Amino acid sequence: MRLKLYCNRYGHFKDALVCSVSCVYRTRCNDFALFYDERRAETDALVADYYAARREGEKRPKSPAESGRHTNLLAHVAPVARPEELRKLIRLEVLREMADSLYIWIDKEDRAELLETVEVLKRAERGQKAKNIYRVAQEMELRYQLVPRKRIDKAKRTAAAEAERAEGRRTRRINARPTPVPFPAPVAANDTPAEAPAPRRARARAGR
């Protein structure tokens, strides 16, 4: 299953390889910056496999018929996106800093050895001389940098700010809802029947 992400600029799902090597908005896209930060190893492996396949294809000689057909096709179809050069996608990155200094010892036969300071001093005491000595302070490695680290950090801050604003709007909507007014409590009915007034004649007799 290839890596895919939704592109808000073009409004459809795109292959991560297209975003990595062909999209002109790669280094300015917050969506790809967040996607790449979460899936860096998988995306780097995908790009490495792609360029390895391209190099193999360039090494393999093409037949005259295939070459002519490919030339005619390019004459009629204009390229939509051009892949970036590999050197633009990789950079040297510090893997780790050395706690103790190491040295690359180049002997007279141009053979290289990685030595610690103690071993270099021992060889100097024995009278051995190196053709060249280079001090190694840190270990480096070539890594893909499809999106600069500063851009990823900016995309994270933007996403966090948008989430905070969305939460604030949701809280305001909840607080703005009117409080329901309770209905008045029903008055208990008096079931005792009222006494009827005495008839007029009965009142007159009572007066006598």
N, C-alpha and C. Protein backbone atom coordinates (compact mmCIF):
# COMPACT_ATOMS: atom_id res chain seq x y z
N MET A 1 0.84 -1.19 0.00
CA MET A 1 0.00 0.00 0.00
C MET A 1 0.88 1.25 0.00
N ARG A 2 0.75 2.07 -1.03
CA ARG A 2 1.58 3.26 -1.13
C ARG A 2 1.08 4.33 -0.16
N LEU A 3 1.99 5.20 0.23
CA LEU A 3 1.64 6.29 1.13
C LEU A 3 0.87 7.35 0.35
N LYS A 4 -0.26 7.77 0.90
CA LYS A 4 -1.08 8.79 0.26
C LYS A 4 -1.50 9.81 1.31
N LEU A 5 -1.72 11.03 0.85
CA LEU A 5 -2.23 12.07 1.73
C LEU A 5 -3.15 12.96 0.93
N TYR A 6 -4.05 13.63 1.64
CA TYR A 6 -5.02 14.50 0.97
C TYR A 6 -4.40 15.86 0.72
N CYS A 7 -4.52 16.36 -0.49
CA CYS A 7 -3.95 17.65 -0.89
C CYS A 7 -5.08 18.68 -0.89
N ASN A 8 -5.00 19.63 0.04
CA ASN A 8 -6.02 20.68 0.11
C ASN A 8 -5.88 21.69 -1.03
N ARG A 9 -4.71 21.77 -1.63
CA ARG A 9 -4.51 22.73 -2.73
C ARG A 9 -5.22 22.26 -3.99
N TYR A 10 -5.09 20.95 -4.30
CA TYR A 10 -5.71 20.42 -5.52
C TYR A 10 -7.01 19.66 -5.24
N GLY A 11 -7.30 19.40 -3.96
CA GLY A 11 -8.58 18.80 -3.60
C GLY A 11 -8.71 17.32 -3.92
N HIS A 12 -7.63 16.56 -3.81
CA HIS A 12 -7.72 15.11 -4.02
C HIS A 12 -6.55 14.44 -3.31
N PHE A 13 -6.60 13.10 -3.22
CA PHE A 13 -5.53 12.35 -2.60
C PHE A 13 -4.36 12.22 -3.58
N LYS A 14 -3.14 12.36 -3.04
CA LYS A 14 -1.93 12.28 -3.86
C LYS A 14 -0.98 11.26 -3.27
N ASP A 15 -0.19 10.65 -4.15
CA ASP A 15 0.86 9.75 -3.70
C ASP A 15 1.96 10.57 -3.04
N ALA A 16 2.48 10.09 -1.93
CA ALA A 16 3.52 10.82 -1.21
C ALA A 16 4.77 10.99 -2.06
N LEU A 17 5.00 10.08 -3.00
CA LEU A 17 6.17 10.20 -3.88
C LEU A 17 6.04 11.41 -4.80
N VAL A 18 4.83 11.67 -5.27
CA VAL A 18 4.59 12.84 -6.12
C VAL A 18 4.88 14.12 -5.34
N CYS A 19 4.38 14.17 -4.08
CA CYS A 19 4.63 15.35 -3.25
C CYS A 19 6.13 15.50 -2.95
N SER A 20 6.84 14.38 -2.81
CA SER A 20 8.24 14.42 -2.39
C SER A 20 9.17 14.89 -3.50
N VAL A 21 8.95 14.45 -4.72
CA VAL A 21 9.94 14.71 -5.77
C VAL A 21 9.43 15.59 -6.90
N SER A 22 8.11 15.84 -6.99
CA SER A 22 7.60 16.56 -8.15
C SER A 22 6.83 17.83 -7.80
N CYS A 23 6.26 17.92 -6.61
CA CYS A 23 5.40 19.06 -6.29
C CYS A 23 6.24 20.30 -6.00
N VAL A 24 5.90 21.39 -6.67
CA VAL A 24 6.65 22.63 -6.48
C VAL A 24 6.32 23.30 -5.15
N TYR A 25 5.23 22.88 -4.51
CA TYR A 25 4.83 23.47 -3.23
C TYR A 25 5.30 22.64 -2.04
N ARG A 26 6.19 21.67 -2.26
CA ARG A 26 6.55 20.72 -1.22
C ARG A 26 7.07 21.41 0.04
N THR A 27 8.00 22.35 -0.11
CA THR A 27 8.62 22.96 1.06
C THR A 27 7.75 24.05 1.68
N ARG A 28 6.60 24.37 1.06
CA ARG A 28 5.72 25.40 1.61
C ARG A 28 4.37 24.83 2.05
N CYS A 29 4.20 23.52 1.95
CA CYS A 29 2.91 22.89 2.22
C CYS A 29 2.87 22.40 3.67
N ASN A 30 1.96 22.96 4.46
CA ASN A 30 1.84 22.52 5.85
C ASN A 30 1.35 21.08 5.96
N ASP A 31 0.46 20.68 5.05
CA ASP A 31 -0.07 19.31 5.10
C ASP A 31 1.05 18.29 4.88
N PHE A 32 1.91 18.54 3.89
CA PHE A 32 3.00 17.59 3.63
C PHE A 32 4.05 17.66 4.73
N ALA A 33 4.27 18.85 5.30
CA ALA A 33 5.25 18.98 6.38
C ALA A 33 4.85 18.11 7.58
N LEU A 34 3.57 18.15 7.97
CA LEU A 34 3.10 17.33 9.09
C LEU A 34 3.11 15.84 8.73
N PHE A 35 2.73 15.53 7.48
CA PHE A 35 2.75 14.14 7.02
C PHE A 35 4.16 13.58 7.03
N TYR A 36 5.12 14.38 6.54
CA TYR A 36 6.51 13.93 6.48
C TYR A 36 7.11 13.78 7.87
N ASP A 37 6.73 14.65 8.79
CA ASP A 37 7.25 14.56 10.16
C ASP A 37 6.80 13.27 10.83
N GLU A 38 5.58 12.81 10.54
CA GLU A 38 5.05 11.59 11.16
C GLU A 38 5.56 10.33 10.46
N ARG A 39 5.86 10.42 9.16
CA ARG A 39 6.24 9.23 8.38
C ARG A 39 7.55 9.47 7.64
N ARG A 40 8.53 10.02 8.34
CA ARG A 40 9.80 10.38 7.72
C ARG A 40 10.53 9.17 7.15
N ALA A 41 10.66 8.10 7.95
CA ALA A 41 11.43 6.92 7.50
C ALA A 41 10.77 6.28 6.28
N GLU A 42 9.43 6.14 6.31
CA GLU A 42 8.74 5.51 5.18
C GLU A 42 8.86 6.36 3.92
N THR A 43 8.73 7.68 4.07
CA THR A 43 8.81 8.55 2.91
C THR A 43 10.22 8.58 2.33
N ASP A 44 11.24 8.63 3.20
CA ASP A 44 12.62 8.61 2.72
C ASP A 44 12.93 7.31 1.98
N ALA A 45 12.44 6.19 2.49
CA ALA A 45 12.66 4.90 1.82
C ALA A 45 11.97 4.88 0.46
N LEU A 46 10.78 5.47 0.38
CA LEU A 46 10.05 5.52 -0.89
C LEU A 46 10.83 6.33 -1.92
N VAL A 47 11.37 7.48 -1.50
CA VAL A 47 12.14 8.33 -2.41
C VAL A 47 13.45 7.63 -2.82
N ALA A 48 14.10 6.95 -1.87
CA ALA A 48 15.35 6.25 -2.18
C ALA A 48 15.11 5.15 -3.21
N ASP A 49 14.03 4.39 -3.05
CA ASP A 49 13.71 3.33 -4.01
C ASP A 49 13.41 3.92 -5.39
N TYR A 50 12.74 5.06 -5.41
CA TYR A 50 12.40 5.69 -6.69
C TYR A 50 13.66 6.11 -7.45
N TYR A 51 14.60 6.78 -6.76
CA TYR A 51 15.80 7.23 -7.45
C TYR A 51 16.73 6.06 -7.79
N ALA A 52 16.70 5.01 -6.97
CA ALA A 52 17.48 3.82 -7.33
C ALA A 52 16.94 3.19 -8.60
N ALA A 53 15.61 3.12 -8.72
CA ALA A 53 15.01 2.57 -9.94
C ALA A 53 15.32 3.46 -11.15
N ARG A 54 15.34 4.76 -10.95
CA ARG A 54 15.68 5.67 -12.05
C ARG A 54 17.12 5.47 -12.52
N ARG A 55 18.04 5.30 -11.56
CA ARG A 55 19.44 5.08 -11.94
C ARG A 55 19.60 3.77 -12.69
N GLU A 56 18.88 2.74 -12.26
CA GLU A 56 18.96 1.46 -12.97
C GLU A 56 18.41 1.59 -14.38
N GLY A 57 17.34 2.36 -14.53
CA GLY A 57 16.77 2.56 -15.86
C GLY A 57 17.67 3.34 -16.77
N GLU A 58 18.41 4.30 -16.20
CA GLU A 58 19.33 5.09 -17.02
C GLU A 58 20.54 4.27 -17.45
N LYS A 59 20.96 3.31 -16.63
CA LYS A 59 22.10 2.47 -16.99
C LYS A 59 21.74 1.45 -18.07
N ARG A 60 20.47 1.00 -18.08
CA ARG A 60 20.09 -0.05 -19.02
C ARG A 60 19.97 0.54 -20.42
N PRO A 61 20.69 0.01 -21.43
CA PRO A 61 20.60 0.55 -22.79
C PRO A 61 19.23 0.27 -23.40
N LYS A 62 18.76 1.23 -24.18
CA LYS A 62 17.46 1.09 -24.83
C LYS A 62 17.65 0.70 -26.29
N SER A 63 16.69 -0.06 -26.80
CA SER A 63 16.73 -0.44 -28.20
C SER A 63 16.41 0.78 -29.07
N PRO A 64 16.86 0.81 -30.32
CA PRO A 64 16.58 1.97 -31.19
C PRO A 64 15.10 2.24 -31.35
N ALA A 65 14.29 1.16 -31.48
CA ALA A 65 12.85 1.35 -31.67
C ALA A 65 12.22 1.98 -30.43
N GLU A 66 12.63 1.49 -29.24
CA GLU A 66 12.08 2.04 -28.00
C GLU A 66 12.51 3.48 -27.80
N SER A 67 13.77 3.77 -28.14
CA SER A 67 14.27 5.14 -28.00
C SER A 67 13.53 6.11 -28.92
N GLY A 68 13.28 5.68 -30.17
CA GLY A 68 12.56 6.54 -31.11
C GLY A 68 11.13 6.77 -30.68
N ARG A 69 10.47 5.70 -30.15
CA ARG A 69 9.09 5.83 -29.68
C ARG A 69 9.02 6.77 -28.48
N HIS A 70 10.00 6.69 -27.60
CA HIS A 70 10.04 7.56 -26.42
C HIS A 70 10.25 9.01 -26.84
N THR A 71 11.09 9.25 -27.86
CA THR A 71 11.35 10.61 -28.34
C THR A 71 10.10 11.20 -28.95
N ASN A 72 9.36 10.42 -29.74
CA ASN A 72 8.13 10.91 -30.35
C ASN A 72 7.09 11.24 -29.30
N LEU A 73 7.04 10.42 -28.24
CA LEU A 73 6.06 10.66 -27.18
C LEU A 73 6.37 11.96 -26.45
N LEU A 74 7.65 12.21 -26.18
CA LEU A 74 8.02 13.44 -25.49
C LEU A 74 7.78 14.66 -26.36
N ALA A 75 7.83 14.48 -27.68
CA ALA A 75 7.61 15.60 -28.58
C ALA A 75 6.17 16.08 -28.54
N HIS A 76 5.23 15.18 -28.21
CA HIS A 76 3.82 15.52 -28.22
C HIS A 76 3.27 15.79 -26.82
N VAL A 77 3.93 15.28 -25.79
CA VAL A 77 3.42 15.43 -24.42
C VAL A 77 4.38 16.31 -23.63
N ALA A 78 3.88 17.42 -23.15
CA ALA A 78 4.70 18.32 -22.34
C ALA A 78 4.71 17.83 -20.89
N PRO A 79 5.85 17.84 -20.23
CA PRO A 79 5.90 17.36 -18.85
C PRO A 79 5.13 18.28 -17.91
N VAL A 80 4.30 17.69 -17.04
CA VAL A 80 3.53 18.46 -16.07
C VAL A 80 4.41 18.86 -14.89
N ALA A 81 5.20 17.92 -14.39
CA ALA A 81 6.10 18.19 -13.26
C ALA A 81 7.42 17.49 -13.52
N ARG A 82 8.48 18.13 -13.15
CA ARG A 82 9.81 17.57 -13.36
C ARG A 82 10.40 17.15 -12.01
N PRO A 83 10.87 15.91 -11.89
CA PRO A 83 11.44 15.48 -10.61
C PRO A 83 12.66 16.31 -10.23
N GLU A 84 12.80 16.54 -8.93
CA GLU A 84 13.94 17.27 -8.43
C GLU A 84 15.22 16.44 -8.59
N GLU A 85 16.35 17.14 -8.72
CA GLU A 85 17.62 16.43 -8.70
C GLU A 85 17.87 15.88 -7.30
N LEU A 86 18.50 14.71 -7.27
CA LEU A 86 18.69 14.03 -5.99
C LEU A 86 19.51 14.87 -5.02
N ARG A 87 20.48 15.61 -5.51
CA ARG A 87 21.35 16.39 -4.62
C ARG A 87 20.58 17.50 -3.90
N LYS A 88 19.43 17.90 -4.44
CA LYS A 88 18.64 18.93 -3.79
C LYS A 88 17.81 18.38 -2.63
N LEU A 89 17.69 17.06 -2.57
CA LEU A 89 16.83 16.45 -1.56
C LEU A 89 17.61 15.86 -0.39
N ILE A 90 18.94 15.87 -0.46
CA ILE A 90 19.73 15.26 0.62
C ILE A 90 20.70 16.30 1.18
N ARG A 91 21.08 16.08 2.42
CA ARG A 91 22.06 16.97 3.04
C ARG A 91 22.79 16.20 4.12
N LEU A 92 23.93 16.71 4.51
CA LEU A 92 24.70 16.13 5.60
C LEU A 92 24.09 16.55 6.93
N GLU A 93 23.90 15.59 7.80
CA GLU A 93 23.31 15.86 9.10
C GLU A 93 24.14 15.21 10.19
N VAL A 94 24.30 15.91 11.29
CA VAL A 94 25.08 15.36 12.41
C VAL A 94 24.31 14.20 13.03
N LEU A 95 24.93 13.02 13.00
CA LEU A 95 24.30 11.85 13.61
C LEU A 95 24.55 11.83 15.11
N ARG A 96 25.77 12.06 15.52
CA ARG A 96 26.08 12.14 16.95
C ARG A 96 27.43 12.85 17.11
N GLU A 97 27.58 13.50 18.24
CA GLU A 97 28.85 14.16 18.55
C GLU A 97 29.71 13.23 19.39
N MET A 98 30.99 13.20 19.08
CA MET A 98 31.90 12.30 19.76
C MET A 98 32.23 12.82 21.16
N ALA A 99 32.10 11.94 22.15
CA ALA A 99 32.47 12.33 23.52
C ALA A 99 33.99 12.46 23.63
N ASP A 100 34.71 11.52 23.02
CA ASP A 100 36.18 11.57 22.98
C ASP A 100 36.63 11.77 21.54
N SER A 101 37.70 12.50 21.39
CA SER A 101 38.21 12.78 20.05
C SER A 101 38.74 11.50 19.41
N LEU A 102 38.39 11.31 18.15
CA LEU A 102 38.92 10.22 17.33
C LEU A 102 39.71 10.83 16.18
N TYR A 103 40.61 10.02 15.62
CA TYR A 103 41.48 10.51 14.55
C TYR A 103 41.49 9.49 13.41
N ILE A 104 41.50 10.03 12.20
CA ILE A 104 41.68 9.19 11.02
C ILE A 104 43.17 9.23 10.66
N TRP A 105 43.81 8.09 10.76
CA TRP A 105 45.26 7.96 10.52
C TRP A 105 45.45 7.46 9.09
N ILE A 106 46.08 8.24 8.26
CA ILE A 106 46.39 7.85 6.88
C ILE A 106 47.88 7.51 6.83
N ASP A 107 48.20 6.24 6.53
CA ASP A 107 49.61 5.84 6.50
C ASP A 107 50.22 6.16 5.14
N LYS A 108 51.46 5.76 4.96
CA LYS A 108 52.19 6.08 3.73
C LYS A 108 51.63 5.37 2.52
N GLU A 109 50.90 4.28 2.75
CA GLU A 109 50.29 3.55 1.63
C GLU A 109 48.84 3.96 1.41
N ASP A 110 48.46 5.09 1.99
CA ASP A 110 47.11 5.66 1.85
C ASP A 110 46.00 4.78 2.42
N ARG A 111 46.35 3.98 3.41
CA ARG A 111 45.35 3.19 4.13
C ARG A 111 44.86 3.99 5.33
N ALA A 112 43.56 4.00 5.58
CA ALA A 112 42.97 4.81 6.64
C ALA A 112 42.57 3.94 7.83
N GLU A 113 42.82 4.45 9.03
CA GLU A 113 42.43 3.79 10.26
C GLU A 113 41.79 4.81 11.19
N LEU A 114 40.78 4.38 11.94
CA LEU A 114 40.14 5.24 12.91
C LEU A 114 40.73 4.90 14.29
N LEU A 115 41.42 5.85 14.91
CA LEU A 115 42.13 5.60 16.15
C LEU A 115 41.69 6.57 17.24
N GLU A 116 41.82 6.09 18.49
CA GLU A 116 41.58 6.97 19.63
C GLU A 116 42.86 7.76 19.95
N THR A 117 42.70 8.76 20.82
CA THR A 117 43.84 9.64 21.14
C THR A 117 45.00 8.85 21.76
N VAL A 118 44.68 7.89 22.62
CA VAL A 118 45.73 7.10 23.29
C VAL A 118 46.56 6.33 22.28
N GLU A 119 45.90 5.73 21.28
CA GLU A 119 46.62 4.95 20.26
C GLU A 119 47.48 5.86 19.39
N VAL A 120 47.02 7.05 19.10
CA VAL A 120 47.81 7.99 18.31
C VAL A 120 49.08 8.38 19.07
N LEU A 121 48.95 8.61 20.38
CA LEU A 121 50.11 8.97 21.20
C LEU A 121 51.11 7.82 21.29
N LYS A 122 50.59 6.59 21.38
CA LYS A 122 51.47 5.42 21.43
C LYS A 122 52.28 5.30 20.15
N ARG A 123 51.62 5.51 19.01
CA ARG A 123 52.34 5.40 17.74
C ARG A 123 53.38 6.52 17.61
N ALA A 124 53.03 7.68 18.13
CA ALA A 124 54.00 8.78 18.07
C ALA A 124 55.21 8.47 18.94
N GLU A 125 54.99 7.83 20.10
CA GLU A 125 56.11 7.45 20.97
C GLU A 125 57.00 6.39 20.32
N ARG A 126 56.37 5.53 19.49
CA ARG A 126 57.16 4.49 18.81
C ARG A 126 57.85 5.03 17.57
N GLY A 127 57.61 6.29 17.25
CA GLY A 127 58.28 6.89 16.11
C GLY A 127 57.53 6.74 14.80
N GLN A 128 56.31 6.21 14.85
CA GLN A 128 55.53 6.08 13.62
C GLN A 128 55.01 7.45 13.19
N LYS A 129 55.04 7.68 11.91
CA LYS A 129 54.56 8.93 11.36
C LYS A 129 53.46 8.66 10.35
N ALA A 130 52.44 9.48 10.41
CA ALA A 130 51.31 9.33 9.47
C ALA A 130 51.48 10.30 8.31
N LYS A 131 50.97 9.87 7.16
CA LYS A 131 50.98 10.76 6.01
C LYS A 131 50.03 11.94 6.25
N ASN A 132 48.88 11.65 6.83
CA ASN A 132 47.90 12.68 7.20
C ASN A 132 47.13 12.19 8.42
N ILE A 133 46.73 13.12 9.26
CA ILE A 133 45.89 12.82 10.41
C ILE A 133 44.74 13.82 10.42
N TYR A 134 43.51 13.29 10.55
CA TYR A 134 42.32 14.13 10.60
C TYR A 134 41.57 13.87 11.90
N ARG A 135 41.25 14.92 12.59
CA ARG A 135 40.49 14.80 13.83
C ARG A 135 39.00 14.68 13.51
N VAL A 136 38.35 13.72 14.13
CA VAL A 136 36.92 13.48 13.93
C VAL A 136 36.18 13.95 15.18
N ALA A 137 35.34 14.95 15.05
CA ALA A 137 34.61 15.49 16.20
C ALA A 137 33.16 15.01 16.23
N GLN A 138 32.62 14.62 15.10
CA GLN A 138 31.22 14.18 15.07
C GLN A 138 31.01 13.23 13.89
N GLU A 139 30.00 12.41 14.05
CA GLU A 139 29.66 11.44 13.01
C GLU A 139 28.55 12.02 12.15
N MET A 140 28.72 11.95 10.85
CA MET A 140 27.76 12.55 9.92
C MET A 140 27.08 11.46 9.11
N GLU A 141 25.94 11.83 8.55
CA GLU A 141 25.26 10.91 7.64
C GLU A 141 24.47 11.72 6.62
N LEU A 142 24.30 11.13 5.45
CA LEU A 142 23.49 11.76 4.41
C LEU A 142 22.03 11.40 4.66
N ARG A 143 21.18 12.43 4.73
CA ARG A 143 19.77 12.19 4.98
C ARG A 143 18.94 13.00 4.01
N TYR A 144 17.76 12.46 3.70
CA TYR A 144 16.82 13.24 2.89
C TYR A 144 16.26 14.37 3.73
N GLN A 145 16.10 15.52 3.12
CA GLN A 145 15.47 16.65 3.78
C GLN A 145 14.42 17.21 2.81
N LEU A 146 13.32 16.49 2.71
CA LEU A 146 12.27 16.92 1.80
C LEU A 146 11.62 18.21 2.28
N VAL A 147 11.53 18.38 3.61
CA VAL A 147 10.98 19.60 4.19
C VAL A 147 11.95 20.06 5.27
N PRO A 148 12.39 21.32 5.25
CA PRO A 148 13.31 21.80 6.30
C PRO A 148 12.67 21.71 7.68
N ARG A 149 13.51 21.50 8.69
CA ARG A 149 13.02 21.35 10.06
C ARG A 149 12.26 22.60 10.51
N LYS A 150 12.73 23.79 10.15
CA LYS A 150 12.04 25.01 10.56
C LYS A 150 10.63 25.06 9.99
N ARG A 151 10.47 24.54 8.76
CA ARG A 151 9.15 24.55 8.15
C ARG A 151 8.21 23.58 8.87
N ILE A 152 8.74 22.44 9.29
CA ILE A 152 7.92 21.48 10.03
C ILE A 152 7.48 22.07 11.36
N ASP A 153 8.40 22.74 12.06
CA ASP A 153 8.05 23.37 13.34
C ASP A 153 6.99 24.45 13.13
N LYS A 154 7.09 25.21 12.05
CA LYS A 154 6.10 26.24 11.77
C LYS A 154 4.75 25.63 11.48
N ALA A 155 4.73 24.52 10.74
CA ALA A 155 3.47 23.84 10.43
C ALA A 155 2.82 23.30 11.71
N LYS A 156 3.64 22.79 12.63
CA LYS A 156 3.10 22.31 13.90
C LYS A 156 2.48 23.45 14.70
N ARG A 157 3.17 24.60 14.74
CA ARG A 157 2.62 25.75 15.48
C ARG A 157 1.32 26.23 14.85
N THR A 158 1.26 26.25 13.52
CA THR A 158 0.04 26.68 12.83
C THR A 158 -1.11 25.73 13.13
N ALA A 159 -0.84 24.41 13.08
CA ALA A 159 -1.88 23.42 13.36
C ALA A 159 -2.37 23.54 14.80
N ALA A 160 -1.44 23.76 15.73
CA ALA A 160 -1.83 23.90 17.13
C ALA A 160 -2.68 25.15 17.34
N ALA A 161 -2.31 26.26 16.68
CA ALA A 161 -3.09 27.49 16.80
C ALA A 161 -4.49 27.32 16.23
N GLU A 162 -4.60 26.64 15.08
CA GLU A 162 -5.92 26.41 14.49
C GLU A 162 -6.78 25.52 15.38
N ALA A 163 -6.16 24.50 15.98
CA ALA A 163 -6.91 23.63 16.89
C ALA A 163 -7.38 24.41 18.12
N GLU A 164 -6.52 25.32 18.61
CA GLU A 164 -6.91 26.12 19.79
C GLU A 164 -8.04 27.07 19.44
N ARG A 165 -8.00 27.67 18.25
CA ARG A 165 -9.09 28.56 17.84
C ARG A 165 -10.39 27.79 17.65
N ALA A 166 -10.29 26.59 17.07
CA ALA A 166 -11.50 25.78 16.89
C ALA A 166 -12.11 25.38 18.24
N GLU A 167 -11.25 25.05 19.20
CA GLU A 167 -11.74 24.72 20.54
C GLU A 167 -12.38 25.92 21.20
N GLY A 168 -11.79 27.12 20.99
CA GLY A 168 -12.38 28.34 21.55
C GLY A 168 -13.75 28.64 20.96
N ARG A 169 -13.89 28.45 19.62
CA ARG A 169 -15.19 28.67 18.99
C ARG A 169 -16.22 27.69 19.51
N ARG A 170 -15.82 26.44 19.69
CA ARG A 170 -16.76 25.42 20.18
C ARG A 170 -17.20 25.75 21.61
N THR A 171 -16.25 26.21 22.44
CA THR A 171 -16.58 26.56 23.83
C THR A 171 -17.52 27.75 23.87
N ARG A 172 -17.28 28.75 23.00
CA ARG A 172 -18.17 29.92 22.98
C ARG A 172 -19.57 29.55 22.55
N ARG A 173 -19.70 28.63 21.58
CA ARG A 173 -21.03 28.21 21.15
C ARG A 173 -21.78 27.52 22.29
N ILE A 174 -21.04 26.71 23.05
CA ILE A 174 -21.70 26.01 24.16
C ILE A 174 -22.14 27.00 25.23
N ASN A 175 -21.26 27.99 25.52
CA ASN A 175 -21.60 28.96 26.57
C ASN A 175 -22.69 29.92 26.13
N ALA A 176 -22.82 30.13 24.81
CA ALA A 176 -23.81 31.09 24.31
C ALA A 176 -25.21 30.51 24.24
N ARG A 177 -25.36 29.22 24.41
CA ARG A 177 -26.69 28.62 24.38
C ARG A 177 -27.53 29.14 25.55
N PRO A 178 -28.80 29.57 25.31
CA PRO A 178 -29.63 30.09 26.41
C PRO A 178 -29.96 28.99 27.41
N THR A 179 -29.96 29.41 28.68
CA THR A 179 -30.30 28.45 29.73
C THR A 179 -31.80 28.20 29.72
N PRO A 180 -32.25 26.97 29.62
CA PRO A 180 -33.69 26.71 29.57
C PRO A 180 -34.38 27.15 30.85
N VAL A 181 -35.54 27.86 30.68
CA VAL A 181 -36.32 28.35 31.83
C VAL A 181 -37.23 27.22 32.30
N PRO A 182 -37.15 26.87 33.58
CA PRO A 182 -38.01 25.77 34.06
C PRO A 182 -39.47 26.19 34.12
N PHE A 183 -40.35 25.26 33.85
CA PHE A 183 -41.77 25.53 33.94
C PHE A 183 -42.17 25.73 35.40
N PRO A 184 -43.17 26.60 35.67
CA PRO A 184 -43.60 26.77 37.07
C PRO A 184 -44.20 25.49 37.63
N ALA A 185 -43.96 25.28 38.90
CA ALA A 185 -44.48 24.07 39.54
C ALA A 185 -46.00 24.13 39.58
N PRO A 186 -46.65 23.03 39.26
CA PRO A 186 -48.13 23.03 39.28
C PRO A 186 -48.66 23.22 40.70
N VAL A 187 -49.74 23.96 40.81
CA VAL A 187 -50.39 24.22 42.11
C VAL A 187 -51.26 23.04 42.46
N ALA A 188 -51.10 22.56 43.69
CA ALA A 188 -51.90 21.41 44.12
C ALA A 188 -53.38 21.79 44.19
N ALA A 189 -54.21 20.95 43.62
CA ALA A 189 -55.67 21.21 43.61
C ALA A 189 -56.28 20.88 44.96
N ASN A 190 -57.21 21.73 45.44
CA ASN A 190 -57.91 21.50 46.71
C ASN A 190 -59.15 20.67 46.43
N ASP A 191 -59.07 19.42 46.79
CA ASP A 191 -60.17 18.49 46.48
C ASP A 191 -61.35 18.64 47.43
N THR A 192 -61.23 19.43 48.56
CA THR A 192 -62.34 19.56 49.52
C THR A 192 -63.40 20.47 48.93
N PRO A 193 -64.62 19.98 48.71
CA PRO A 193 -65.68 20.82 48.10
C PRO A 193 -66.11 21.93 49.05
N ALA A 194 -66.29 23.11 48.50
CA ALA A 194 -66.74 24.24 49.32
C ALA A 194 -68.19 24.06 49.76
N GLU A 195 -68.50 24.46 51.00
CA GLU A 195 -69.86 24.32 51.54
C GLU A 195 -70.79 25.31 50.85
N ALA A 196 -71.90 24.81 50.41
CA ALA A 196 -72.87 25.66 49.73
C ALA A 196 -73.54 26.61 50.72
N PRO A 197 -73.83 27.83 50.33
CA PRO A 197 -74.50 28.77 51.25
C PRO A 197 -75.90 28.28 51.64
N ALA A 198 -76.33 28.61 52.85
CA ALA A 198 -77.65 28.16 53.34
C ALA A 198 -78.76 28.85 52.59
N PRO A 199 -79.85 28.17 52.37
CA PRO A 199 -80.98 28.81 51.68
C PRO A 199 -81.47 30.03 52.46
N ARG A 200 -82.16 30.97 51.74
CA ARG A 200 -82.60 32.22 52.35
C ARG A 200 -83.60 31.96 53.48
N ARG A 201 -84.57 31.04 53.28
CA ARG A 201 -85.57 30.77 54.29
C ARG A 201 -84.94 30.21 55.55
N ALA A 202 -83.87 29.34 55.32
CA ALA A 202 -83.21 28.75 56.49
C ALA A 202 -82.50 29.85 57.30
N ARG A 203 -81.97 30.86 56.62
CA ARG A 203 -81.29 31.93 57.32
C ARG A 203 -82.34 32.79 58.07
N ALA A 204 -83.50 32.99 57.44
CA ALA A 204 -84.51 33.77 58.11
C ALA A 204 -85.00 33.08 59.38
N ARG A 205 -85.22 31.78 59.32
CA ARG A 205 -85.66 31.05 60.50
C ARG A 205 -84.57 31.08 61.59
N ALA A 206 -83.39 31.03 61.16
CA ALA A 206 -82.31 31.06 62.15
C ALA A 206 -82.27 32.42 62.82
N GLY A 207 -82.71 33.49 62.11
CA GLY A 207 -82.73 34.80 62.69
C GLY A 207 -83.80 34.97 63.75
N ARG A 208 -84.94 34.23 63.59
CA ARG A 208 -86.00 34.31 64.54
C ARG A 208 -85.61 33.59 65.80
